[in-house]
Amino acid sequence: MAKFEHHLFVCENVRPPESPRGCCSAKGAAEVRARLKEELEQRGQKGRVRANGAGCLDQCAQGPCIVAYPGQVWYGGVTVADVPEIVDALLAGKVVERLVIPDAKLTGKAGAPR
């Protein structure tokens, strides 16, 4: 079996409604992932690009969020309507700049062990 060329991880984490950070699930993440899977299949990318649901990616306030590998591209505030543009960019080796979460806003720590 060949390796996937790209992986798209879509946060589908659920937090309580009163959480100040919010959660990607309540913002339509499952619908975004479902649309990604449909779009990828329609374009003949099944087996080359994988869209996975993920637990918390720790970018709750900016969700729904997606991280695309390789490349470590973080997208935030993604909607179902954004999916075709994301897939276009991915297949062209580009990035949808308007959706990118800037490094300064990511909650990971620089220099953290990998």
PDB file of N, CA and C in Angstrom:
ATOM      1  N   MET A   1       0.848  -1.178   0.000  1.00  0.00           N
ATOM      2  CA  MET A   1       0.000   0.000   0.000  1.00  0.00           C
ATOM      3  C   MET A   1       0.892   1.239   0.000  1.00  0.00           C
ATOM      4  N   ALA A   2       0.564   2.212  -0.814  1.00  0.00           N
ATOM      5  CA  ALA A   2       1.323   3.460  -0.896  1.00  0.00           C
ATOM      6  C   ALA A   2       0.950   4.399   0.246  1.00  0.00           C
ATOM      7  N   LYS A   3       1.853   5.308   0.549  1.00  0.00           N
ATOM      8  CA  LYS A   3       1.592   6.323   1.567  1.00  0.00           C
ATOM      9  C   LYS A   3       0.720   7.416   0.983  1.00  0.00           C
ATOM     10  N   PHE A   4      -0.056   8.069   1.836  1.00  0.00           N
ATOM     11  CA  PHE A   4      -0.827   9.230   1.400  1.00  0.00           C
ATOM     12  C   PHE A   4       0.142  10.374   1.107  1.00  0.00           C
ATOM     13  N   GLU A   5      -0.168  11.163   0.091  1.00  0.00           N
ATOM     14  CA  GLU A   5       0.657  12.320  -0.240  1.00  0.00           C
ATOM     15  C   GLU A   5       0.368  13.492   0.704  1.00  0.00           C
ATOM     16  N   HIS A   6      -0.873  13.574   1.155  1.00  0.00           N
ATOM     17  CA  HIS A   6      -1.291  14.650   2.055  1.00  0.00           C
ATOM     18  C   HIS A   6      -2.254  14.090   3.092  1.00  0.00           C
ATOM     19  N   HIS A   7      -2.202  14.670   4.263  1.00  0.00           N
ATOM     20  CA  HIS A   7      -3.166  14.382   5.325  1.00  0.00           C
ATOM     21  C   HIS A   7      -3.774  15.703   5.760  1.00  0.00           C
ATOM     22  N   LEU A   8      -5.075  15.743   5.873  1.00  0.00           N
ATOM     23  CA  LEU A   8      -5.797  16.899   6.384  1.00  0.00           C
ATOM     24  C   LEU A   8      -6.484  16.471   7.677  1.00  0.00           C
ATOM     25  N   PHE A   9      -6.063  17.048   8.777  1.00  0.00           N
ATOM     26  CA  PHE A   9      -6.661  16.731  10.065  1.00  0.00           C
ATOM     27  C   PHE A   9      -7.630  17.852  10.429  1.00  0.00           C
ATOM     28  N   VAL A  10      -8.889  17.488  10.608  1.00  0.00           N
ATOM     29  CA  VAL A  10      -9.938  18.452  10.930  1.00  0.00           C
ATOM     30  C   VAL A  10     -10.323  18.263  12.393  1.00  0.00           C
ATOM     31  N   CYS A  11     -10.124  19.306  13.189  1.00  0.00           N
ATOM     32  CA  CYS A  11     -10.490  19.212  14.602  1.00  0.00           C
ATOM     33  C   CYS A  11     -12.006  19.087  14.716  1.00  0.00           C
ATOM     34  N   GLU A  12     -12.440  18.061  15.438  1.00  0.00           N
ATOM     35  CA  GLU A  12     -13.864  17.860  15.711  1.00  0.00           C
ATOM     36  C   GLU A  12     -14.100  17.761  17.216  1.00  0.00           C
ATOM     37  N   ASN A  13     -13.208  18.365  17.978  1.00  0.00           N
ATOM     38  CA  ASN A  13     -13.301  18.299  19.428  1.00  0.00           C
ATOM     39  C   ASN A  13     -14.592  18.961  19.928  1.00  0.00           C
ATOM     40  N   VAL A  14     -15.113  18.419  21.025  1.00  0.00           N
ATOM     41  CA  VAL A  14     -16.322  18.949  21.647  1.00  0.00           C
ATOM     42  C   VAL A  14     -15.962  19.466  23.037  1.00  0.00           C
ATOM     43  N   ARG A  15     -16.328  20.706  23.302  1.00  0.00           N
ATOM     44  CA  ARG A  15     -16.172  21.310  24.626  1.00  0.00           C
ATOM     45  C   ARG A  15     -17.562  21.695  25.121  1.00  0.00           C
ATOM     46  N   PRO A  16     -17.709  21.901  26.415  1.00  0.00           N
ATOM     47  CA  PRO A  16     -19.006  22.356  26.933  1.00  0.00           C
ATOM     48  C   PRO A  16     -19.371  23.717  26.332  1.00  0.00           C
ATOM     49  N   PRO A  17     -20.652  23.974  26.145  1.00  0.00           N
ATOM     50  CA  PRO A  17     -21.086  25.250  25.551  1.00  0.00           C
ATOM     51  C   PRO A  17     -20.574  26.481  26.292  1.00  0.00           C
ATOM     52  N   GLU A  18     -20.344  26.370  27.580  1.00  0.00           N
ATOM     53  CA  GLU A  18     -19.889  27.525  28.360  1.00  0.00           C
ATOM     54  C   GLU A  18     -18.374  27.761  28.270  1.00  0.00           C
ATOM     55  N   SER A  19     -17.649  26.907  27.559  1.00  0.00           N
ATOM     56  CA  SER A  19     -16.201  27.073  27.439  1.00  0.00           C
ATOM     57  C   SER A  19     -15.874  28.380  26.722  1.00  0.00           C
ATOM     58  N   PRO A  20     -15.014  29.205  27.317  1.00  0.00           N
ATOM     59  CA  PRO A  20     -14.665  30.481  26.679  1.00  0.00           C
ATOM     60  C   PRO A  20     -13.886  30.304  25.376  1.00  0.00           C
ATOM     61  N   ARG A  21     -13.256  29.159  25.191  1.00  0.00           N
ATOM     62  CA  ARG A  21     -12.483  28.916  23.971  1.00  0.00           C
ATOM     63  C   ARG A  21     -13.364  28.435  22.821  1.00  0.00           C
ATOM     64  N   GLY A  22     -14.575  27.988  23.137  1.00  0.00           N
ATOM     65  CA  GLY A  22     -15.423  27.422  22.100  1.00  0.00           C
ATOM     66  C   GLY A  22     -14.892  26.068  21.673  1.00  0.00           C
ATOM     67  N   CYS A  23     -15.491  25.517  20.640  1.00  0.00           N
ATOM     68  CA  CYS A  23     -14.991  24.250  20.120  1.00  0.00           C
ATOM     69  C   CYS A  23     -15.304  24.145  18.636  1.00  0.00           C
ATOM     70  N   CYS A  24     -14.467  23.418  17.960  1.00  0.00           N
ATOM     71  CA  CYS A  24     -14.612  23.277  16.507  1.00  0.00           C
ATOM     72  C   CYS A  24     -15.891  22.532  16.136  1.00  0.00           C
ATOM     73  N   SER A  25     -16.266  21.571  16.954  1.00  0.00           N
ATOM     74  CA  SER A  25     -17.465  20.783  16.653  1.00  0.00           C
ATOM     75  C   SER A  25     -18.700  21.666  16.555  1.00  0.00           C
ATOM     76  N   ALA A  26     -18.859  22.575  17.483  1.00  0.00           N
ATOM     77  CA  ALA A  26     -20.032  23.448  17.498  1.00  0.00           C
ATOM     78  C   ALA A  26     -20.032  24.452  16.351  1.00  0.00           C
ATOM     79  N   LYS A  27     -18.888  24.592  15.697  1.00  0.00           N
ATOM     80  CA  LYS A  27     -18.755  25.552  14.600  1.00  0.00           C
ATOM     81  C   LYS A  27     -18.838  24.893  13.227  1.00  0.00           C
ATOM     82  N   GLY A  28     -19.217  23.619  13.184  1.00  0.00           N
ATOM     83  CA  GLY A  28     -19.442  22.950  11.899  1.00  0.00           C
ATOM     84  C   GLY A  28     -18.294  22.113  11.380  1.00  0.00           C
ATOM     85  N   ALA A  29     -17.405  21.676  12.253  1.00  0.00           N
ATOM     86  CA  ALA A  29     -16.239  20.910  11.816  1.00  0.00           C
ATOM     87  C   ALA A  29     -16.594  19.595  11.128  1.00  0.00           C
ATOM     88  N   ALA A  30     -17.588  18.889  11.618  1.00  0.00           N
ATOM     89  CA  ALA A  30     -17.956  17.600  11.007  1.00  0.00           C
ATOM     90  C   ALA A  30     -18.435  17.810   9.572  1.00  0.00           C
ATOM     91  N   GLU A  31     -19.155  18.889   9.347  1.00  0.00           N
ATOM     92  CA  GLU A  31     -19.627  19.190   7.993  1.00  0.00           C
ATOM     93  C   GLU A  31     -18.460  19.551   7.079  1.00  0.00           C
ATOM     94  N   VAL A  32     -17.471  20.268   7.627  1.00  0.00           N
ATOM     95  CA  VAL A  32     -16.278  20.607   6.846  1.00  0.00           C
ATOM     96  C   VAL A  32     -15.545  19.336   6.439  1.00  0.00           C
ATOM     97  N   ARG A  33     -15.339  18.424   7.392  1.00  0.00           N
ATOM     98  CA  ARG A  33     -14.636  17.168   7.064  1.00  0.00           C
ATOM     99  C   ARG A  33     -15.410  16.348   6.052  1.00  0.00           C
ATOM    100  N   ALA A  34     -16.722  16.251   6.224  1.00  0.00           N
ATOM    101  CA  ALA A  34     -17.532  15.495   5.267  1.00  0.00           C
ATOM    102  C   ALA A  34     -17.418  16.088   3.867  1.00  0.00           C
ATOM    103  N   ARG A  35     -17.442  17.405   3.775  1.00  0.00           N
ATOM    104  CA  ARG A  35     -17.321  18.066   2.468  1.00  0.00           C
ATOM    105  C   ARG A  35     -15.936  17.860   1.874  1.00  0.00           C
ATOM    106  N   LEU A  36     -14.896  17.879   2.711  1.00  0.00           N
ATOM    107  CA  LEU A  36     -13.542  17.584   2.234  1.00  0.00           C
ATOM    108  C   LEU A  36     -13.477  16.193   1.622  1.00  0.00           C
ATOM    109  N   LYS A  37     -14.038  15.225   2.319  1.00  0.00           N
ATOM    110  CA  LYS A  37     -14.020  13.852   1.814  1.00  0.00           C
ATOM    111  C   LYS A  37     -14.751  13.750   0.476  1.00  0.00           C
ATOM    112  N   GLU A  38     -15.898  14.407   0.367  1.00  0.00           N
ATOM    113  CA  GLU A  38     -16.653  14.404  -0.895  1.00  0.00           C
ATOM    114  C   GLU A  38     -15.840  15.040  -2.018  1.00  0.00           C
ATOM    115  N   GLU A  39     -15.267  16.198  -1.732  1.00  0.00           N
ATOM    116  CA  GLU A  39     -14.501  16.941  -2.733  1.00  0.00           C
ATOM    117  C   GLU A  39     -13.290  16.135  -3.209  1.00  0.00           C
ATOM    118  N   LEU A  40     -12.598  15.522  -2.281  1.00  0.00           N
ATOM    119  CA  LEU A  40     -11.431  14.720  -2.636  1.00  0.00           C
ATOM    120  C   LEU A  40     -11.827  13.514  -3.488  1.00  0.00           C
ATOM    121  N   GLU A  41     -12.924  12.879  -3.128  1.00  0.00           N
ATOM    122  CA  GLU A  41     -13.379  11.728  -3.918  1.00  0.00           C
ATOM    123  C   GLU A  41     -13.804  12.158  -5.319  1.00  0.00           C
ATOM    124  N   GLN A  42     -14.535  13.267  -5.414  1.00  0.00           N
ATOM    125  CA  GLN A  42     -14.975  13.769  -6.720  1.00  0.00           C
ATOM    126  C   GLN A  42     -13.791  14.081  -7.626  1.00  0.00           C
ATOM    127  N   ARG A  43     -12.688  14.469  -7.044  1.00  0.00           N
ATOM    128  CA  ARG A  43     -11.504  14.836  -7.825  1.00  0.00           C
ATOM    129  C   ARG A  43     -10.537  13.670  -8.016  1.00  0.00           C
ATOM    130  N   GLY A  44     -10.951  12.487  -7.630  1.00  0.00           N
ATOM    131  CA  GLY A  44     -10.116  11.304  -7.831  1.00  0.00           C
ATOM    132  C   GLY A  44      -8.907  11.245  -6.911  1.00  0.00           C
ATOM    133  N   GLN A  45      -9.004  11.871  -5.738  1.00  0.00           N
ATOM    134  CA  GLN A  45      -7.867  11.924  -4.826  1.00  0.00           C
ATOM    135  C   GLN A  45      -7.929  10.896  -3.702  1.00  0.00           C
ATOM    136  N   LYS A  46      -8.992  10.076  -3.695  1.00  0.00           N
ATOM    137  CA  LYS A  46      -9.089   9.042  -2.663  1.00  0.00           C
ATOM    138  C   LYS A  46      -7.880   8.123  -2.803  1.00  0.00           C
ATOM    139  N   GLY A  47      -7.214   7.863  -1.677  1.00  0.00           N
ATOM    140  CA  GLY A  47      -6.010   7.044  -1.698  1.00  0.00           C
ATOM    141  C   GLY A  47      -4.746   7.872  -1.838  1.00  0.00           C
ATOM    142  N   ARG A  48      -4.874   9.135  -2.206  1.00  0.00           N
ATOM    143  CA  ARG A  48      -3.725  10.040  -2.319  1.00  0.00           C
ATOM    144  C   ARG A  48      -3.753  11.094  -1.213  1.00  0.00           C
ATOM    145  N   VAL A  49      -4.970  11.574  -0.900  1.00  0.00           N
ATOM    146  CA  VAL A  49      -5.158  12.601   0.125  1.00  0.00           C
ATOM    147  C   VAL A  49      -6.181  12.079   1.116  1.00  0.00           C
ATOM    148  N   ARG A  50      -5.874  12.202   2.385  1.00  0.00           N
ATOM    149  CA  ARG A  50      -6.757  11.684   3.433  1.00  0.00           C
ATOM    150  C   ARG A  50      -7.255  12.826   4.316  1.00  0.00           C
ATOM    151  N   ALA A  51      -8.554  12.910   4.507  1.00  0.00           N
ATOM    152  CA  ALA A  51      -9.159  13.873   5.435  1.00  0.00           C
ATOM    153  C   ALA A  51      -9.615  13.099   6.666  1.00  0.00           C
ATOM    154  N   ASN A  52      -9.000  13.375   7.786  1.00  0.00           N
ATOM    155  CA  ASN A  52      -9.296  12.683   9.034  1.00  0.00           C
ATOM    156  C   ASN A  52      -9.934  13.619  10.040  1.00  0.00           C
ATOM    157  N   GLY A  53     -10.861  13.089  10.817  1.00  0.00           N
ATOM    158  CA  GLY A  53     -11.340  13.812  11.985  1.00  0.00           C
ATOM    159  C   GLY A  53     -10.289  13.690  13.065  1.00  0.00           C
ATOM    160  N   ALA A  54     -10.111  14.737  13.841  1.00  0.00           N
ATOM    161  CA  ALA A  54      -9.108  14.720  14.903  1.00  0.00           C
ATOM    162  C   ALA A  54      -9.725  15.205  16.200  1.00  0.00           C
ATOM    163  N   GLY A  55      -9.111  14.819  17.283  1.00  0.00           N
ATOM    164  CA  GLY A  55      -9.454  15.383  18.569  1.00  0.00           C
ATOM    165  C   GLY A  55      -8.905  16.801  18.623  1.00  0.00           C
ATOM    166  N   CYS A  56      -8.817  17.352  19.785  1.00  0.00           N
ATOM    167  CA  CYS A  56      -8.413  18.740  19.946  1.00  0.00           C
ATOM    168  C   CYS A  56      -7.032  19.008  19.346  1.00  0.00           C
ATOM    169  N   LEU A  57      -6.976  20.009  18.478  1.00  0.00           N
ATOM    170  CA  LEU A  57      -5.712  20.467  17.904  1.00  0.00           C
ATOM    171  C   LEU A  57      -5.219  21.722  18.626  1.00  0.00           C
ATOM    172  N   ASP A  58      -5.903  22.098  19.686  1.00  0.00           N
ATOM    173  CA  ASP A  58      -5.536  23.195  20.578  1.00  0.00           C
ATOM    174  C   ASP A  58      -5.558  24.571  19.902  1.00  0.00           C
ATOM    175  N   GLN A  59      -6.461  24.738  18.955  1.00  0.00           N
ATOM    176  CA  GLN A  59      -6.651  26.037  18.301  1.00  0.00           C
ATOM    177  C   GLN A  59      -8.136  26.410  18.394  1.00  0.00           C
ATOM    178  N   CYS A  60      -8.751  26.071  19.496  1.00  0.00           N
ATOM    179  CA  CYS A  60     -10.199  26.144  19.687  1.00  0.00           C
ATOM    180  C   CYS A  60     -10.820  27.488  19.308  1.00  0.00           C
ATOM    181  N   ALA A  61     -10.196  28.558  19.696  1.00  0.00           N
ATOM    182  CA  ALA A  61     -10.768  29.882  19.450  1.00  0.00           C
ATOM    183  C   ALA A  61     -10.764  30.246  17.974  1.00  0.00           C
ATOM    184  N   GLN A  62     -10.023  29.487  17.162  1.00  0.00           N
ATOM    185  CA  GLN A  62      -9.897  29.809  15.746  1.00  0.00           C
ATOM    186  C   GLN A  62     -10.548  28.769  14.849  1.00  0.00           C
ATOM    187  N   GLY A  63     -11.403  27.955  15.416  1.00  0.00           N
ATOM    188  CA  GLY A  63     -11.987  26.857  14.667  1.00  0.00           C
ATOM    189  C   GLY A  63     -13.160  27.246  13.815  1.00  0.00           C
ATOM    190  N   PRO A  64     -13.620  26.318  13.011  1.00  0.00           N
ATOM    191  CA  PRO A  64     -13.005  25.020  12.815  1.00  0.00           C
ATOM    192  C   PRO A  64     -11.611  25.172  12.209  1.00  0.00           C
ATOM    193  N   CYS A  65     -10.712  24.295  12.665  1.00  0.00           N
ATOM    194  CA  CYS A  65      -9.352  24.374  12.150  1.00  0.00           C
ATOM    195  C   CYS A  65      -8.957  23.057  11.496  1.00  0.00           C
ATOM    196  N   ILE A  66      -8.017  23.213  10.573  1.00  0.00           N
ATOM    197  CA  ILE A  66      -7.455  22.085   9.824  1.00  0.00           C
ATOM    198  C   ILE A  66      -5.949  22.264   9.841  1.00  0.00           C
ATOM    199  N   VAL A  67      -5.218  21.175   9.979  1.00  0.00           N
ATOM    200  CA  VAL A  67      -3.782  21.214   9.749  1.00  0.00           C
ATOM    201  C   VAL A  67      -3.497  20.241   8.603  1.00  0.00           C
ATOM    202  N   ALA A  68      -2.741  20.729   7.627  1.00  0.00           N
ATOM    203  CA  ALA A  68      -2.425  19.947   6.426  1.00  0.00           C
ATOM    204  C   ALA A  68      -0.953  19.540   6.458  1.00  0.00           C
ATOM    205  N   TYR A  69      -0.721  18.258   6.225  1.00  0.00           N
ATOM    206  CA  TYR A  69       0.641  17.711   6.165  1.00  0.00           C
ATOM    207  C   TYR A  69       0.843  17.025   4.830  1.00  0.00           C
ATOM    208  N   PRO A  70       2.073  17.003   4.277  1.00  0.00           N
ATOM    209  CA  PRO A  70       3.208  17.702   4.839  1.00  0.00           C
ATOM    210  C   PRO A  70       3.054  19.199   4.633  1.00  0.00           C
ATOM    211  N   GLY A  71       3.854  19.935   5.251  1.00  0.00           N
ATOM    212  CA  GLY A  71       3.796  21.379   5.105  1.00  0.00           C
ATOM    213  C   GLY A  71       3.392  22.090   6.373  1.00  0.00           C
ATOM    214  N   GLN A  72       2.701  21.385   7.270  1.00  0.00           N
ATOM    215  CA  GLN A  72       2.257  21.965   8.532  1.00  0.00           C
ATOM    216  C   GLN A  72       1.521  23.282   8.330  1.00  0.00           C
ATOM    217  N   VAL A  73       0.568  23.293   7.432  1.00  0.00           N
ATOM    218  CA  VAL A  73      -0.236  24.492   7.171  1.00  0.00           C
ATOM    219  C   VAL A  73      -1.473  24.431   8.060  1.00  0.00           C
ATOM    220  N   TRP A  74      -1.656  25.466   8.866  1.00  0.00           N
ATOM    221  CA  TRP A  74      -2.794  25.554   9.785  1.00  0.00           C
ATOM    222  C   TRP A  74      -3.824  26.516   9.225  1.00  0.00           C
ATOM    223  N   TYR A  75      -5.041  26.026   9.060  1.00  0.00           N
ATOM    224  CA  TYR A  75      -6.153  26.861   8.605  1.00  0.00           C
ATOM    225  C   TYR A  75      -7.145  27.042   9.739  1.00  0.00           C
ATOM    226  N   GLY A  76      -7.702  28.239   9.863  1.00  0.00           N
ATOM    227  CA  GLY A  76      -8.696  28.512  10.889  1.00  0.00           C
ATOM    228  C   GLY A  76      -9.919  29.189  10.327  1.00  0.00           C
ATOM    229  N   GLY A  77     -11.024  29.055  11.053  1.00  0.00           N
ATOM    230  CA  GLY A  77     -12.282  29.653  10.619  1.00  0.00           C
ATOM    231  C   GLY A  77     -12.787  29.058   9.324  1.00  0.00           C
ATOM    232  N   VAL A  78     -12.491  27.793   9.097  1.00  0.00           N
ATOM    233  CA  VAL A  78     -12.845  27.121   7.841  1.00  0.00           C
ATOM    234  C   VAL A  78     -14.341  26.824   7.803  1.00  0.00           C
ATOM    235  N   THR A  79     -14.938  27.080   6.646  1.00  0.00           N
ATOM    236  CA  THR A  79     -16.350  26.760   6.422  1.00  0.00           C
ATOM    237  C   THR A  79     -16.458  25.748   5.287  1.00  0.00           C
ATOM    238  N   VAL A  80     -17.624  25.183   5.145  1.00  0.00           N
ATOM    239  CA  VAL A  80     -17.879  24.252   4.041  1.00  0.00           C
ATOM    240  C   VAL A  80     -17.596  24.930   2.705  1.00  0.00           C
ATOM    241  N   ALA A  81     -17.939  26.202   2.595  1.00  0.00           N
ATOM    242  CA  ALA A  81     -17.725  26.942   1.344  1.00  0.00           C
ATOM    243  C   ALA A  81     -16.240  27.092   0.999  1.00  0.00           C
ATOM    244  N   ASP A  82     -15.352  26.986   1.989  1.00  0.00           N
ATOM    245  CA  ASP A  82     -13.913  27.117   1.757  1.00  0.00           C
ATOM    246  C   ASP A  82     -13.272  25.847   1.205  1.00  0.00           C
ATOM    247  N   VAL A  83     -13.947  24.731   1.314  1.00  0.00           N
ATOM    248  CA  VAL A  83     -13.354  23.439   0.991  1.00  0.00           C
ATOM    249  C   VAL A  83     -12.818  23.361  -0.440  1.00  0.00           C
ATOM    250  N   PRO A  84     -13.579  23.735  -1.484  1.00  0.00           N
ATOM    251  CA  PRO A  84     -13.009  23.633  -2.833  1.00  0.00           C
ATOM    252  C   PRO A  84     -11.719  24.443  -3.007  1.00  0.00           C
ATOM    253  N   GLU A  85     -11.670  25.617  -2.405  1.00  0.00           N
ATOM    254  CA  GLU A  85     -10.469  26.456  -2.501  1.00  0.00           C
ATOM    255  C   GLU A  85      -9.283  25.795  -1.797  1.00  0.00           C
ATOM    256  N   ILE A  86      -9.529  25.181  -0.662  1.00  0.00           N
ATOM    257  CA  ILE A  86      -8.463  24.479   0.062  1.00  0.00           C
ATOM    258  C   ILE A  86      -7.941  23.315  -0.770  1.00  0.00           C
ATOM    259  N   VAL A  87      -8.836  22.543  -1.350  1.00  0.00           N
ATOM    260  CA  VAL A  87      -8.419  21.400  -2.170  1.00  0.00           C
ATOM    261  C   VAL A  87      -7.681  21.890  -3.418  1.00  0.00           C
ATOM    262  N   ASP A  88      -8.180  22.938  -4.072  1.00  0.00           N
ATOM    263  CA  ASP A  88      -7.468  23.511  -5.222  1.00  0.00           C
ATOM    264  C   ASP A  88      -6.032  23.851  -4.848  1.00  0.00           C
ATOM    265  N   ALA A  89      -5.878  24.562  -3.740  1.00  0.00           N
ATOM    266  CA  ALA A  89      -4.550  24.992  -3.299  1.00  0.00           C
ATOM    267  C   ALA A  89      -3.664  23.794  -2.970  1.00  0.00           C
ATOM    268  N   LEU A  90      -4.205  22.841  -2.250  1.00  0.00           N
ATOM    269  CA  LEU A  90      -3.436  21.662  -1.861  1.00  0.00           C
ATOM    270  C   LEU A  90      -2.895  20.948  -3.099  1.00  0.00           C
ATOM    271  N   LEU A  91      -3.759  20.725  -4.075  1.00  0.00           N
ATOM    272  CA  LEU A  91      -3.360  19.991  -5.277  1.00  0.00           C
ATOM    273  C   LEU A  91      -2.393  20.784  -6.148  1.00  0.00           C
ATOM    274  N   ALA A  92      -2.397  22.099  -6.013  1.00  0.00           N
ATOM    275  CA  ALA A  92      -1.484  22.955  -6.777  1.00  0.00           C
ATOM    276  C   ALA A  92      -0.207  23.274  -6.001  1.00  0.00           C
ATOM    277  N   GLY A  93      -0.093  22.738  -4.783  1.00  0.00           N
ATOM    278  CA  GLY A  93       1.082  23.016  -3.959  1.00  0.00           C
ATOM    279  C   GLY A  93       1.093  24.432  -3.418  1.00  0.00           C
ATOM    280  N   LYS A  94      -0.095  24.992  -3.236  1.00  0.00           N
ATOM    281  CA  LYS A  94      -0.213  26.359  -2.738  1.00  0.00           C
ATOM    282  C   LYS A  94      -0.944  26.368  -1.402  1.00  0.00           C
ATOM    283  N   VAL A  95      -1.154  27.570  -0.878  1.00  0.00           N
ATOM    284  CA  VAL A  95      -1.790  27.760   0.423  1.00  0.00           C
ATOM    285  C   VAL A  95      -2.881  28.809   0.278  1.00  0.00           C
ATOM    286  N   VAL A  96      -3.990  28.639   0.979  1.00  0.00           N
ATOM    287  CA  VAL A  96      -5.055  29.644   1.010  1.00  0.00           C
ATOM    288  C   VAL A  96      -4.697  30.618   2.124  1.00  0.00           C
ATOM    289  N   GLU A  97      -3.990  31.666   1.752  1.00  0.00           N
ATOM    290  CA  GLU A  97      -3.421  32.603   2.731  1.00  0.00           C
ATOM    291  C   GLU A  97      -4.477  33.217   3.651  1.00  0.00           C
ATOM    292  N   ARG A  98      -5.667  33.514   3.125  1.00  0.00           N
ATOM    293  CA  ARG A  98      -6.686  34.182   3.944  1.00  0.00           C
ATOM    294  C   ARG A  98      -7.175  33.316   5.102  1.00  0.00           C
ATOM    295  N   LEU A  99      -6.931  32.016   5.029  1.00  0.00           N
ATOM    296  CA  LEU A  99      -7.366  31.103   6.090  1.00  0.00           C
ATOM    297  C   LEU A  99      -6.235  30.652   7.009  1.00  0.00           C
ATOM    298  N   VAL A 100      -5.013  30.984   6.666  1.00  0.00           N
ATOM    299  CA  VAL A 100      -3.869  30.526   7.458  1.00  0.00           C
ATOM    300  C   VAL A 100      -3.891  31.169   8.842  1.00  0.00           C
ATOM    301  N   ILE A 101      -3.683  30.330   9.856  1.00  0.00           N
ATOM    302  CA  ILE A 101      -3.506  30.830  11.217  1.00  0.00           C
ATOM    303  C   ILE A 101      -2.028  31.217  11.328  1.00  0.00           C
ATOM    304  N   PRO A 102      -1.743  32.492  11.554  1.00  0.00           N
ATOM    305  CA  PRO A 102      -0.339  32.913  11.656  1.00  0.00           C
ATOM    306  C   PRO A 102       0.372  32.195  12.799  1.00  0.00           C
ATOM    307  N   ASP A 103       1.652  31.930  12.594  1.00  0.00           N
ATOM    308  CA  ASP A 103       2.437  31.242  13.629  1.00  0.00           C
ATOM    309  C   ASP A 103       2.290  31.904  14.993  1.00  0.00           C
ATOM    310  N   ALA A 104       2.247  33.218  15.024  1.00  0.00           N
ATOM    311  CA  ALA A 104       2.147  33.949  16.294  1.00  0.00           C
ATOM    312  C   ALA A 104       0.847  33.661  17.036  1.00  0.00           C
ATOM    313  N   LYS A 105      -0.169  33.177  16.331  1.00  0.00           N
ATOM    314  CA  LYS A 105      -1.455  32.877  16.971  1.00  0.00           C
ATOM    315  C   LYS A 105      -1.630  31.400  17.308  1.00  0.00           C
ATOM    316  N   LEU A 106      -0.729  30.551  16.835  1.00  0.00           N
ATOM    317  CA  LEU A 106      -0.804  29.134  17.171  1.00  0.00           C
ATOM    318  C   LEU A 106      -0.455  28.955  18.644  1.00  0.00           C
ATOM    319  N   THR A 107      -1.084  27.995  19.288  1.00  0.00           N
ATOM    320  CA  THR A 107      -0.893  27.840  20.726  1.00  0.00           C
ATOM    321  C   THR A 107       0.236  26.890  21.098  1.00  0.00           C
ATOM    322  N   GLY A 108       0.903  26.274  20.113  1.00  0.00           N
ATOM    323  CA  GLY A 108       2.054  25.434  20.424  1.00  0.00           C
ATOM    324  C   GLY A 108       3.217  26.275  20.899  1.00  0.00           C
ATOM    325  N   LYS A 109       4.218  25.636  21.466  1.00  0.00           N
ATOM    326  CA  LYS A 109       5.386  26.359  21.983  1.00  0.00           C
ATOM    327  C   LYS A 109       6.570  26.168  21.041  1.00  0.00           C
ATOM    328  N   ALA A 110       7.224  27.258  20.698  1.00  0.00           N
ATOM    329  CA  ALA A 110       8.423  27.193  19.872  1.00  0.00           C
ATOM    330  C   ALA A 110       9.491  26.403  20.604  1.00  0.00           C
ATOM    331  N   GLY A 111      10.167  25.555  19.876  1.00  0.00           N
ATOM    332  CA  GLY A 111      11.251  24.788  20.464  1.00  0.00           C
ATOM    333  C   GLY A 111      10.793  23.603  21.297  1.00  0.00           C
ATOM    334  N   ALA A 112       9.492  23.323  21.302  1.00  0.00           N
ATOM    335  CA  ALA A 112       9.006  22.171  22.067  1.00  0.00           C
ATOM    336  C   ALA A 112       9.549  20.886  21.443  1.00  0.00           C
ATOM    337  N   PRO A 113       9.864  19.876  22.252  1.00  0.00           N
ATOM    338  CA  PRO A 113      10.366  18.611  21.709  1.00  0.00           C
ATOM    339  C   PRO A 113       9.358  17.997  20.760  1.00  0.00           C
ATOM    340  N   ARG A 114       9.862  17.355  19.755  1.00  0.00           N
ATOM    341  CA  ARG A 114       8.980  16.734  18.757  1.00  0.00           C
ATOM    342  C   ARG A 114       8.861  15.259  19.003  1.00  0.00           C
TER     343      ARG A 114
END
